[in-house]
Each structure stands twice: as C-alpha cells, then as structure tokens.
Amino acid sequence: MLTFARLAFGGWLLVEVLSWAKILPLTLEFTWFGLVITGGVAWGTIELISWRLRKLGAQNLWGGTLLLVLVSQCTDAGGDIFRMYGTYSWYDQVAHLVGGAAIALVFFNLLTSLHVAQRIRFGPGLRAWFAIMAAMAVGSLYEIEEYAEDILRHANRLGTAFDTANDMLCNSLGAVALVVLLVWIRQRRKLT
C-alpha cells in the first residue's frame, strides 16, 4: 500500500506542477503556488519522517497514513479546481477536518512507531495528546502560509478573520476525532 500511495502522491504533485507551469490546462479558484508548496512540503515531510524512522530501526509510516495525507491534498486541490470553496461554504470546513485528521494521523503514527521501537515510552493517551497538539500547530502554520501568500503574491487565500478561526477549529476537530478513533481501536485490539 505504501508504494501505491507514493506513486499516487507523486503523480498528483506532478499534475500540480505541470498545471502551475501552464502545461496542463487546469485553472484554479486560488493559486497553484499554494497547492504545490503544501503538497511538496507534505510529501517531503512524510518521506523525511519515514527515512528517519527506518534509520532508527523503527517501523515505517503506515501506507494508510500517506493515503490520508494524499486525500487531504486532493480535497484541497479539488475544491480549488472545481470552485467548491467559492460555491459551497461548508466545503472549506470539510477540507480542514480532513487536513487536521491527516496531520494527527502522521504524528500519532510517528509516535507509535517510535514507541514500538522502544525509542520513546508514551502510552496511547500521551501520543494522542501530542498528535492533536501537532495538528493544531501545523494548521496554524498553514494559515500563516496563506497569509504570507496573500502578502507576497497579492492573492486572496486567507479569507476573513472568522474564516481563519473556523479553519483552525475544523483542523482541531478533525484531529481530535481521528485520534479518539485510533485510541479506541488500539484499546479494543489491546495494542500499546
């Protein structure tokens, strides 16, 4: 599953780069720059984490983790390509819920791999708390990236102050929902 996820992620990032370079005819509601940056940073970060885990002798990130991050990226890009953000007010909330869940899964998976490899000794509750906090921090960084892009490129990605607060809330709710589900599943299966 991990190989499939990597190929799918690389293929999607290639579509974004080719569209940004105007080789593909796709147009957006906002900017390709933002999508390429977030997609590249997301994939690069996951590959860096996976490489580091392997170097430590820990289990690689789950293939499902990379797939959820890809779903999050495609949700964002699809909303941009098909003008969903401007058409449906709820679409941005869905995208941020999925994004928060994806980020939380990356961090929960990372901490679980380190725990299983006995590099850290965090129970599921502590791993859950760190995953939620990390998702909130990354969600904040994403909002800062939108702000920076608006300033530097004279775009309109940030929206209003209400939109920013709502985005951060949805990121947090997505993270909490995913992590509660993961902890519940791990407890039912009696996994550490």
N, C-alpha and C. Protein backbone atom coordinates (compact mmCIF):
# COMPACT_ATOMS: atom_id res chain seq x y z
N MET A 1 0.82 -1.19 0.00
CA MET A 1 0.00 0.00 0.00
C MET A 1 0.87 1.27 0.00
N LEU A 2 2.01 1.20 0.66
CA LEU A 2 2.89 2.36 0.74
C LEU A 2 3.41 2.75 -0.64
N THR A 3 3.79 1.76 -1.45
CA THR A 3 4.27 2.04 -2.80
C THR A 3 3.18 2.69 -3.64
N PHE A 4 1.97 2.15 -3.56
CA PHE A 4 0.84 2.74 -4.28
C PHE A 4 0.62 4.19 -3.84
N ALA A 5 0.65 4.42 -2.54
CA ALA A 5 0.44 5.77 -2.01
C ALA A 5 1.51 6.73 -2.52
N ARG A 6 2.76 6.27 -2.54
CA ARG A 6 3.85 7.12 -3.03
C ARG A 6 3.68 7.45 -4.51
N LEU A 7 3.33 6.45 -5.31
CA LEU A 7 3.11 6.69 -6.74
C LEU A 7 1.95 7.65 -6.97
N ALA A 8 0.87 7.47 -6.23
CA ALA A 8 -0.29 8.34 -6.36
C ALA A 8 0.05 9.77 -5.95
N PHE A 9 0.79 9.91 -4.85
CA PHE A 9 1.16 11.24 -4.36
C PHE A 9 2.07 11.93 -5.37
N GLY A 10 3.07 11.20 -5.87
CA GLY A 10 3.98 11.76 -6.85
C GLY A 10 3.26 12.15 -8.13
N GLY A 11 2.33 11.31 -8.57
CA GLY A 11 1.54 11.62 -9.77
C GLY A 11 0.71 12.87 -9.58
N TRP A 12 0.08 12.99 -8.41
CA TRP A 12 -0.74 14.17 -8.17
C TRP A 12 0.11 15.44 -8.09
N LEU A 13 1.26 15.34 -7.44
CA LEU A 13 2.15 16.50 -7.35
C LEU A 13 2.65 16.91 -8.74
N LEU A 14 2.90 15.93 -9.60
CA LEU A 14 3.31 16.21 -10.98
C LEU A 14 2.20 16.98 -11.72
N VAL A 15 0.96 16.56 -11.54
CA VAL A 15 -0.18 17.28 -12.15
C VAL A 15 -0.21 18.72 -11.67
N GLU A 16 0.01 18.93 -10.38
CA GLU A 16 0.01 20.29 -9.84
C GLU A 16 1.14 21.13 -10.44
N VAL A 17 2.34 20.57 -10.50
CA VAL A 17 3.49 21.31 -11.04
C VAL A 17 3.27 21.62 -12.52
N LEU A 18 2.79 20.65 -13.30
CA LEU A 18 2.54 20.88 -14.73
C LEU A 18 1.42 21.91 -14.94
N SER A 19 0.45 21.93 -14.07
CA SER A 19 -0.61 22.93 -14.17
C SER A 19 -0.09 24.31 -13.80
N TRP A 20 0.75 24.37 -12.77
CA TRP A 20 1.35 25.63 -12.36
C TRP A 20 2.21 26.20 -13.50
N ALA A 21 2.91 25.31 -14.22
CA ALA A 21 3.75 25.73 -15.35
C ALA A 21 2.92 25.98 -16.62
N LYS A 22 1.60 25.83 -16.52
CA LYS A 22 0.66 26.05 -17.62
C LYS A 22 0.84 25.06 -18.77
N ILE A 23 1.38 23.89 -18.44
CA ILE A 23 1.48 22.82 -19.43
C ILE A 23 0.16 22.07 -19.51
N LEU A 24 -0.48 21.87 -18.35
CA LEU A 24 -1.83 21.31 -18.31
C LEU A 24 -2.83 22.46 -18.21
N PRO A 25 -4.02 22.31 -18.78
CA PRO A 25 -4.96 23.43 -18.85
C PRO A 25 -5.84 23.65 -17.61
N LEU A 26 -5.50 23.04 -16.48
CA LEU A 26 -6.33 23.20 -15.28
C LEU A 26 -6.19 24.61 -14.71
N THR A 27 -7.32 25.18 -14.30
CA THR A 27 -7.30 26.50 -13.67
C THR A 27 -7.88 26.37 -12.27
N LEU A 28 -7.62 27.38 -11.46
CA LEU A 28 -7.97 27.33 -10.04
C LEU A 28 -8.76 28.55 -9.59
N GLU A 29 -9.38 28.37 -8.44
CA GLU A 29 -10.03 29.47 -7.76
C GLU A 29 -8.97 30.34 -7.06
N PHE A 30 -7.90 29.71 -6.56
CA PHE A 30 -6.86 30.44 -5.86
C PHE A 30 -5.54 30.33 -6.65
N THR A 31 -4.50 29.67 -6.10
CA THR A 31 -3.22 29.64 -6.81
C THR A 31 -2.59 28.25 -6.79
N TRP A 32 -1.89 27.91 -7.88
CA TRP A 32 -1.12 26.67 -7.94
C TRP A 32 0.06 26.74 -7.00
N PHE A 33 0.60 27.92 -6.83
CA PHE A 33 1.76 28.09 -5.94
C PHE A 33 1.47 27.50 -4.56
N GLY A 34 0.34 27.88 -3.98
CA GLY A 34 -0.03 27.39 -2.65
C GLY A 34 -0.21 25.88 -2.62
N LEU A 35 -0.84 25.34 -3.66
CA LEU A 35 -1.06 23.89 -3.70
C LEU A 35 0.25 23.13 -3.86
N VAL A 36 1.13 23.61 -4.72
CA VAL A 36 2.42 22.94 -4.93
C VAL A 36 3.26 23.00 -3.66
N ILE A 37 3.26 24.16 -3.00
CA ILE A 37 4.03 24.29 -1.76
C ILE A 37 3.50 23.34 -0.69
N THR A 38 2.19 23.35 -0.44
CA THR A 38 1.65 22.48 0.60
C THR A 38 1.81 21.00 0.24
N GLY A 39 1.59 20.64 -1.02
CA GLY A 39 1.75 19.26 -1.44
C GLY A 39 3.19 18.80 -1.34
N GLY A 40 4.12 19.64 -1.79
CA GLY A 40 5.54 19.30 -1.73
C GLY A 40 6.04 19.19 -0.30
N VAL A 41 5.63 20.13 0.54
CA VAL A 41 6.05 20.08 1.95
C VAL A 41 5.46 18.85 2.63
N ALA A 42 4.18 18.56 2.35
CA ALA A 42 3.54 17.39 2.97
C ALA A 42 4.24 16.10 2.58
N TRP A 43 4.45 15.91 1.28
CA TRP A 43 5.08 14.67 0.83
C TRP A 43 6.53 14.60 1.30
N GLY A 44 7.25 15.70 1.18
CA GLY A 44 8.64 15.73 1.63
C GLY A 44 8.78 15.42 3.12
N THR A 45 7.89 15.98 3.91
CA THR A 45 7.92 15.73 5.36
C THR A 45 7.66 14.27 5.67
N ILE A 46 6.70 13.69 4.98
CA ILE A 46 6.38 12.28 5.23
C ILE A 46 7.55 11.38 4.82
N GLU A 47 8.17 11.68 3.70
CA GLU A 47 9.31 10.87 3.28
C GLU A 47 10.49 11.05 4.23
N LEU A 48 10.69 12.25 4.73
CA LEU A 48 11.76 12.50 5.70
C LEU A 48 11.50 11.74 6.99
N ILE A 49 10.26 11.77 7.46
CA ILE A 49 9.90 11.03 8.68
C ILE A 49 10.12 9.53 8.46
N SER A 50 9.67 9.02 7.30
CA SER A 50 9.83 7.59 7.01
C SER A 50 11.30 7.20 6.95
N TRP A 51 12.10 8.02 6.30
CA TRP A 51 13.54 7.75 6.20
C TRP A 51 14.18 7.71 7.59
N ARG A 52 13.81 8.70 8.41
CA ARG A 52 14.39 8.78 9.76
C ARG A 52 13.95 7.59 10.62
N LEU A 53 12.69 7.18 10.48
CA LEU A 53 12.21 6.01 11.23
C LEU A 53 12.99 4.77 10.84
N ARG A 54 13.19 4.58 9.54
CA ARG A 54 13.96 3.41 9.07
C ARG A 54 15.38 3.44 9.63
N LYS A 55 15.96 4.63 9.65
CA LYS A 55 17.33 4.77 10.16
C LYS A 55 17.41 4.43 11.64
N LEU A 56 16.34 4.69 12.38
CA LEU A 56 16.30 4.36 13.80
C LEU A 56 15.91 2.91 14.06
N GLY A 57 15.61 2.19 13.00
CA GLY A 57 15.19 0.80 13.16
C GLY A 57 13.73 0.68 13.55
N ALA A 58 12.97 1.73 13.35
CA ALA A 58 11.54 1.72 13.71
C ALA A 58 10.70 1.36 12.48
N GLN A 59 9.46 1.04 12.74
CA GLN A 59 8.53 0.70 11.67
C GLN A 59 8.23 1.95 10.84
N ASN A 60 8.14 1.77 9.52
CA ASN A 60 7.83 2.86 8.60
C ASN A 60 6.42 3.39 8.86
N LEU A 61 6.12 4.58 8.37
CA LEU A 61 4.76 5.08 8.46
C LEU A 61 3.82 4.14 7.71
N TRP A 62 2.61 4.00 8.20
CA TRP A 62 1.62 3.15 7.57
C TRP A 62 1.26 3.70 6.20
N GLY A 63 1.00 2.82 5.24
CA GLY A 63 0.56 3.25 3.92
C GLY A 63 -0.72 4.07 3.99
N GLY A 64 -1.61 3.70 4.89
CA GLY A 64 -2.86 4.44 5.07
C GLY A 64 -2.63 5.88 5.52
N THR A 65 -1.53 6.11 6.22
CA THR A 65 -1.19 7.48 6.65
C THR A 65 -0.91 8.34 5.43
N LEU A 66 -0.06 7.83 4.55
CA LEU A 66 0.26 8.59 3.34
C LEU A 66 -0.99 8.77 2.47
N LEU A 67 -1.83 7.75 2.41
CA LEU A 67 -3.05 7.87 1.61
C LEU A 67 -3.99 8.94 2.17
N LEU A 68 -4.12 9.02 3.50
CA LEU A 68 -4.99 10.06 4.07
C LEU A 68 -4.41 11.44 3.81
N VAL A 69 -3.09 11.58 3.86
CA VAL A 69 -2.48 12.88 3.53
C VAL A 69 -2.76 13.21 2.06
N LEU A 70 -2.68 12.22 1.18
CA LEU A 70 -2.99 12.44 -0.24
C LEU A 70 -4.46 12.83 -0.41
N VAL A 71 -5.36 12.16 0.29
CA VAL A 71 -6.79 12.52 0.24
C VAL A 71 -6.98 13.96 0.68
N SER A 72 -6.27 14.36 1.72
CA SER A 72 -6.35 15.74 2.19
C SER A 72 -5.87 16.72 1.11
N GLN A 73 -4.75 16.40 0.47
CA GLN A 73 -4.23 17.27 -0.58
C GLN A 73 -5.19 17.34 -1.77
N CYS A 74 -5.75 16.21 -2.14
CA CYS A 74 -6.70 16.17 -3.27
C CYS A 74 -8.01 16.87 -2.93
N THR A 75 -8.43 16.80 -1.68
CA THR A 75 -9.62 17.52 -1.24
C THR A 75 -9.40 19.02 -1.41
N ASP A 76 -8.22 19.48 -0.99
CA ASP A 76 -7.89 20.90 -1.12
C ASP A 76 -7.81 21.30 -2.60
N ALA A 77 -7.06 20.54 -3.38
CA ALA A 77 -6.89 20.88 -4.80
C ALA A 77 -8.21 20.74 -5.56
N GLY A 78 -8.96 19.69 -5.27
CA GLY A 78 -10.25 19.50 -5.94
C GLY A 78 -11.20 20.65 -5.66
N GLY A 79 -11.19 21.13 -4.43
CA GLY A 79 -12.02 22.27 -4.08
C GLY A 79 -11.62 23.51 -4.85
N ASP A 80 -10.33 23.63 -5.11
CA ASP A 80 -9.81 24.76 -5.86
C ASP A 80 -10.12 24.63 -7.36
N ILE A 81 -9.86 23.44 -7.92
CA ILE A 81 -10.07 23.21 -9.35
C ILE A 81 -11.55 23.32 -9.73
N PHE A 82 -12.41 22.71 -8.92
CA PHE A 82 -13.84 22.67 -9.24
C PHE A 82 -14.63 23.81 -8.59
N ARG A 83 -13.91 24.81 -8.06
CA ARG A 83 -14.53 26.02 -7.49
C ARG A 83 -15.50 25.69 -6.35
N MET A 84 -15.17 24.67 -5.58
CA MET A 84 -16.02 24.26 -4.46
C MET A 84 -15.95 25.25 -3.30
N TYR A 85 -14.78 25.84 -3.09
CA TYR A 85 -14.62 26.76 -1.97
C TYR A 85 -15.55 27.96 -2.11
N GLY A 86 -15.64 28.51 -3.32
CA GLY A 86 -16.48 29.68 -3.54
C GLY A 86 -17.95 29.34 -3.68
N THR A 87 -18.26 28.10 -4.04
CA THR A 87 -19.64 27.70 -4.28
C THR A 87 -20.33 27.20 -3.03
N TYR A 88 -19.63 26.41 -2.23
CA TYR A 88 -20.22 25.79 -1.04
C TYR A 88 -19.47 26.25 0.20
N SER A 89 -20.13 26.93 1.10
CA SER A 89 -19.46 27.47 2.29
C SER A 89 -18.96 26.35 3.20
N TRP A 90 -19.59 25.19 3.17
CA TRP A 90 -19.20 24.08 4.04
C TRP A 90 -17.96 23.34 3.53
N TYR A 91 -17.59 23.51 2.26
CA TYR A 91 -16.50 22.72 1.68
C TYR A 91 -15.17 23.01 2.39
N ASP A 92 -14.92 24.25 2.72
CA ASP A 92 -13.68 24.62 3.41
C ASP A 92 -13.61 23.90 4.76
N GLN A 93 -14.74 23.77 5.42
CA GLN A 93 -14.76 23.08 6.72
C GLN A 93 -14.41 21.61 6.55
N VAL A 94 -14.96 20.97 5.53
CA VAL A 94 -14.65 19.57 5.26
C VAL A 94 -13.16 19.41 4.97
N ALA A 95 -12.62 20.29 4.14
CA ALA A 95 -11.20 20.20 3.79
C ALA A 95 -10.32 20.34 5.04
N HIS A 96 -10.69 21.23 5.94
CA HIS A 96 -9.89 21.41 7.15
C HIS A 96 -10.08 20.27 8.14
N LEU A 97 -11.26 19.68 8.20
CA LEU A 97 -11.47 18.49 9.03
C LEU A 97 -10.58 17.35 8.56
N VAL A 98 -10.58 17.12 7.25
CA VAL A 98 -9.75 16.05 6.67
C VAL A 98 -8.26 16.37 6.88
N GLY A 99 -7.88 17.61 6.67
CA GLY A 99 -6.48 18.01 6.87
C GLY A 99 -6.02 17.82 8.30
N GLY A 100 -6.84 18.23 9.25
CA GLY A 100 -6.49 18.04 10.67
C GLY A 100 -6.36 16.58 11.02
N ALA A 101 -7.27 15.76 10.50
CA ALA A 101 -7.21 14.31 10.74
C ALA A 101 -5.93 13.72 10.14
N ALA A 102 -5.58 14.14 8.94
CA ALA A 102 -4.38 13.61 8.28
C ALA A 102 -3.12 13.96 9.05
N ILE A 103 -3.03 15.19 9.49
CA ILE A 103 -1.84 15.61 10.25
C ILE A 103 -1.75 14.86 11.56
N ALA A 104 -2.88 14.71 12.25
CA ALA A 104 -2.89 13.97 13.51
C ALA A 104 -2.46 12.52 13.29
N LEU A 105 -2.91 11.92 12.19
CA LEU A 105 -2.54 10.54 11.90
C LEU A 105 -1.03 10.42 11.67
N VAL A 106 -0.45 11.36 10.96
CA VAL A 106 1.00 11.33 10.74
C VAL A 106 1.74 11.32 12.08
N PHE A 107 1.35 12.23 12.97
CA PHE A 107 2.07 12.33 14.24
C PHE A 107 1.77 11.15 15.15
N PHE A 108 0.53 10.68 15.18
CA PHE A 108 0.21 9.51 16.00
C PHE A 108 0.98 8.29 15.50
N ASN A 109 1.02 8.12 14.18
CA ASN A 109 1.74 7.02 13.57
C ASN A 109 3.24 7.12 13.88
N LEU A 110 3.80 8.32 13.76
CA LEU A 110 5.21 8.55 14.07
C LEU A 110 5.51 8.16 15.52
N LEU A 111 4.71 8.66 16.45
CA LEU A 111 4.96 8.38 17.86
C LEU A 111 4.73 6.91 18.19
N THR A 112 3.76 6.28 17.53
CA THR A 112 3.52 4.85 17.75
C THR A 112 4.70 4.02 17.24
N SER A 113 5.24 4.38 16.08
CA SER A 113 6.41 3.67 15.56
C SER A 113 7.60 3.80 16.50
N LEU A 114 7.80 5.00 17.04
CA LEU A 114 8.90 5.20 18.00
C LEU A 114 8.65 4.45 19.30
N HIS A 115 7.39 4.38 19.72
CA HIS A 115 7.03 3.64 20.94
C HIS A 115 7.28 2.14 20.75
N VAL A 116 6.82 1.59 19.64
CA VAL A 116 7.00 0.16 19.36
C VAL A 116 8.50 -0.18 19.27
N ALA A 117 9.29 0.72 18.70
CA ALA A 117 10.74 0.50 18.58
C ALA A 117 11.47 0.80 19.90
N GLN A 118 10.71 1.15 20.94
CA GLN A 118 11.22 1.47 22.27
C GLN A 118 12.19 2.65 22.27
N ARG A 119 11.93 3.60 21.37
CA ARG A 119 12.71 4.84 21.34
C ARG A 119 12.10 5.88 22.27
N ILE A 120 10.79 5.79 22.49
CA ILE A 120 10.08 6.61 23.46
C ILE A 120 9.13 5.71 24.22
N ARG A 121 8.67 6.13 25.37
CA ARG A 121 7.72 5.35 26.15
C ARG A 121 6.50 6.24 26.41
N PHE A 122 5.67 6.42 25.39
CA PHE A 122 4.45 7.19 25.51
C PHE A 122 3.28 6.24 25.34
N GLY A 123 2.36 6.25 26.29
CA GLY A 123 1.13 5.48 26.14
C GLY A 123 0.25 6.10 25.07
N PRO A 124 -0.84 5.41 24.71
CA PRO A 124 -1.71 5.92 23.65
C PRO A 124 -2.30 7.30 23.96
N GLY A 125 -2.61 7.56 25.22
CA GLY A 125 -3.18 8.86 25.59
C GLY A 125 -2.21 10.00 25.36
N LEU A 126 -0.97 9.81 25.73
CA LEU A 126 0.04 10.86 25.54
C LEU A 126 0.35 11.04 24.05
N ARG A 127 0.42 9.93 23.31
CA ARG A 127 0.63 10.04 21.87
C ARG A 127 -0.54 10.78 21.22
N ALA A 128 -1.74 10.51 21.69
CA ALA A 128 -2.94 11.19 21.17
C ALA A 128 -2.85 12.69 21.44
N TRP A 129 -2.47 13.05 22.65
CA TRP A 129 -2.38 14.47 23.01
C TRP A 129 -1.35 15.19 22.14
N PHE A 130 -0.17 14.57 21.97
CA PHE A 130 0.87 15.18 21.13
C PHE A 130 0.41 15.28 19.67
N ALA A 131 -0.29 14.27 19.18
CA ALA A 131 -0.77 14.29 17.79
C ALA A 131 -1.77 15.42 17.58
N ILE A 132 -2.65 15.63 18.55
CA ILE A 132 -3.63 16.72 18.45
C ILE A 132 -2.91 18.07 18.49
N MET A 133 -1.98 18.23 19.41
CA MET A 133 -1.24 19.49 19.51
C MET A 133 -0.43 19.76 18.23
N ALA A 134 0.16 18.72 17.68
CA ALA A 134 0.93 18.88 16.43
C ALA A 134 0.02 19.28 15.29
N ALA A 135 -1.16 18.66 15.21
CA ALA A 135 -2.11 19.02 14.15
C ALA A 135 -2.56 20.47 14.28
N MET A 136 -2.77 20.91 15.51
CA MET A 136 -3.15 22.31 15.72
C MET A 136 -2.01 23.25 15.30
N ALA A 137 -0.78 22.88 15.62
CA ALA A 137 0.36 23.72 15.26
C ALA A 137 0.53 23.78 13.75
N VAL A 138 0.44 22.62 13.08
CA VAL A 138 0.59 22.60 11.62
C VAL A 138 -0.56 23.36 10.96
N GLY A 139 -1.77 23.23 11.50
CA GLY A 139 -2.91 24.00 10.98
C GLY A 139 -2.65 25.50 11.08
N SER A 140 -2.04 25.93 12.18
CA SER A 140 -1.69 27.34 12.33
C SER A 140 -0.64 27.76 11.31
N LEU A 141 0.35 26.89 11.08
CA LEU A 141 1.37 27.20 10.07
C LEU A 141 0.75 27.32 8.68
N TYR A 142 -0.26 26.49 8.40
CA TYR A 142 -0.94 26.57 7.10
C TYR A 142 -1.63 27.92 6.95
N GLU A 143 -2.27 28.39 8.01
CA GLU A 143 -2.94 29.70 7.96
C GLU A 143 -1.90 30.81 7.78
N ILE A 144 -0.75 30.67 8.40
CA ILE A 144 0.34 31.65 8.22
C ILE A 144 0.83 31.62 6.79
N GLU A 145 0.92 30.43 6.19
CA GLU A 145 1.33 30.32 4.78
C GLU A 145 0.32 31.04 3.89
N GLU A 146 -0.97 30.88 4.16
CA GLU A 146 -2.00 31.58 3.37
C GLU A 146 -1.82 33.10 3.50
N TYR A 147 -1.57 33.55 4.71
CA TYR A 147 -1.36 34.98 4.95
C TYR A 147 -0.13 35.48 4.18
N ALA A 148 0.97 34.73 4.27
CA ALA A 148 2.20 35.12 3.58
C ALA A 148 1.99 35.15 2.08
N GLU A 149 1.26 34.17 1.55
CA GLU A 149 0.99 34.15 0.12
C GLU A 149 0.15 35.35 -0.30
N ASP A 150 -0.82 35.72 0.52
CA ASP A 150 -1.64 36.90 0.23
C ASP A 150 -0.78 38.17 0.18
N ILE A 151 0.14 38.28 1.13
CA ILE A 151 1.00 39.47 1.19
C ILE A 151 1.99 39.48 0.02
N LEU A 152 2.67 38.36 -0.20
CA LEU A 152 3.73 38.32 -1.20
C LEU A 152 3.22 38.25 -2.64
N ARG A 153 2.12 37.56 -2.85
CA ARG A 153 1.64 37.34 -4.22
C ARG A 153 0.34 38.09 -4.52
N HIS A 154 -0.13 38.87 -3.56
CA HIS A 154 -1.37 39.64 -3.72
C HIS A 154 -2.54 38.73 -4.11
N ALA A 155 -2.62 37.60 -3.41
CA ALA A 155 -3.70 36.63 -3.63
C ALA A 155 -4.80 36.88 -2.61
N ASN A 156 -5.78 35.99 -2.57
CA ASN A 156 -6.85 36.10 -1.59
C ASN A 156 -7.17 34.71 -1.04
N ARG A 157 -6.19 34.09 -0.41
CA ARG A 157 -6.39 32.75 0.14
C ARG A 157 -6.83 32.78 1.58
N LEU A 158 -6.44 33.79 2.32
CA LEU A 158 -6.66 33.80 3.76
C LEU A 158 -8.12 33.94 4.14
N GLY A 159 -8.86 34.76 3.46
CA GLY A 159 -10.25 34.99 3.83
C GLY A 159 -10.35 35.94 5.01
N THR A 160 -11.46 35.87 5.72
CA THR A 160 -11.71 36.77 6.84
C THR A 160 -11.14 36.19 8.12
N ALA A 161 -11.17 37.00 9.18
CA ALA A 161 -10.73 36.52 10.49
C ALA A 161 -11.63 35.38 10.95
N PHE A 162 -12.93 35.46 10.67
CA PHE A 162 -13.85 34.37 11.01
C PHE A 162 -13.44 33.10 10.28
N ASP A 163 -13.10 33.22 9.01
CA ASP A 163 -12.72 32.05 8.22
C ASP A 163 -11.47 31.40 8.80
N THR A 164 -10.49 32.20 9.19
CA THR A 164 -9.25 31.67 9.75
C THR A 164 -9.52 30.92 11.05
N ALA A 165 -10.32 31.53 11.93
CA ALA A 165 -10.65 30.87 13.20
C ALA A 165 -11.43 29.59 12.95
N ASN A 166 -12.36 29.62 12.00
CA ASN A 166 -13.15 28.43 11.67
C ASN A 166 -12.25 27.33 11.09
N ASP A 167 -11.29 27.70 10.24
CA ASP A 167 -10.34 26.73 9.69
C ASP A 167 -9.57 26.05 10.82
N MET A 168 -9.10 26.84 11.77
CA MET A 168 -8.31 26.28 12.87
C MET A 168 -9.17 25.38 13.75
N LEU A 169 -10.43 25.76 13.97
CA LEU A 169 -11.33 24.92 14.74
C LEU A 169 -11.57 23.59 14.03
N CYS A 170 -11.83 23.65 12.73
CA CYS A 170 -12.07 22.41 11.97
C CYS A 170 -10.84 21.53 11.93
N ASN A 171 -9.65 22.12 11.79
CA ASN A 171 -8.41 21.33 11.87
C ASN A 171 -8.35 20.58 13.20
N SER A 172 -8.66 21.29 14.28
CA SER A 172 -8.59 20.70 15.62
C SER A 172 -9.63 19.60 15.79
N LEU A 173 -10.85 19.84 15.32
CA LEU A 173 -11.92 18.84 15.45
C LEU A 173 -11.59 17.58 14.64
N GLY A 174 -11.04 17.76 13.44
CA GLY A 174 -10.63 16.60 12.63
C GLY A 174 -9.56 15.79 13.34
N ALA A 175 -8.60 16.49 13.95
CA ALA A 175 -7.53 15.81 14.68
C ALA A 175 -8.07 15.05 15.87
N VAL A 176 -8.93 15.70 16.65
CA VAL A 176 -9.49 15.05 17.84
C VAL A 176 -10.30 13.82 17.44
N ALA A 177 -11.15 13.96 16.44
CA ALA A 177 -11.99 12.83 16.01
C ALA A 177 -11.15 11.64 15.57
N LEU A 178 -10.12 11.90 14.77
CA LEU A 178 -9.28 10.81 14.27
C LEU A 178 -8.52 10.15 15.41
N VAL A 179 -7.96 10.94 16.30
CA VAL A 179 -7.14 10.39 17.38
C VAL A 179 -8.01 9.62 18.38
N VAL A 180 -9.19 10.11 18.68
CA VAL A 180 -10.10 9.37 19.57
C VAL A 180 -10.43 8.01 18.95
N LEU A 181 -10.68 7.99 17.66
CA LEU A 181 -10.96 6.74 16.96
C LEU A 181 -9.75 5.79 17.02
N LEU A 182 -8.55 6.32 16.78
CA LEU A 182 -7.34 5.48 16.83
C LEU A 182 -7.12 4.89 18.21
N VAL A 183 -7.26 5.71 19.25
CA VAL A 183 -7.05 5.22 20.61
C VAL A 183 -8.09 4.16 20.95
N TRP A 184 -9.33 4.38 20.56
CA TRP A 184 -10.40 3.41 20.81
C TRP A 184 -10.09 2.08 20.12
N ILE A 185 -9.68 2.16 18.85
CA ILE A 185 -9.35 0.93 18.10
C ILE A 185 -8.18 0.21 18.76
N ARG A 186 -7.15 0.95 19.14
CA ARG A 186 -5.98 0.33 19.75
C ARG A 186 -6.34 -0.30 21.11
N GLN A 187 -7.21 0.33 21.86
CA GLN A 187 -7.63 -0.24 23.15
C GLN A 187 -8.45 -1.52 22.93
N ARG A 188 -9.33 -1.51 21.94
CA ARG A 188 -10.15 -2.71 21.67
C ARG A 188 -9.28 -3.87 21.19
N ARG A 189 -8.22 -3.56 20.47
CA ARG A 189 -7.32 -4.61 19.97
C ARG A 189 -6.19 -4.91 20.96
N LYS A 190 -6.21 -4.19 22.07
CA LYS A 190 -5.19 -4.37 23.12
C LYS A 190 -3.77 -4.12 22.62
N LEU A 191 -3.63 -3.07 21.79
CA LEU A 191 -2.32 -2.67 21.27
C LEU A 191 -1.76 -1.57 22.16
N THR A 192 -0.45 -1.49 22.24
CA THR A 192 0.17 -0.43 23.04
C THR A 192 0.27 0.84 22.26
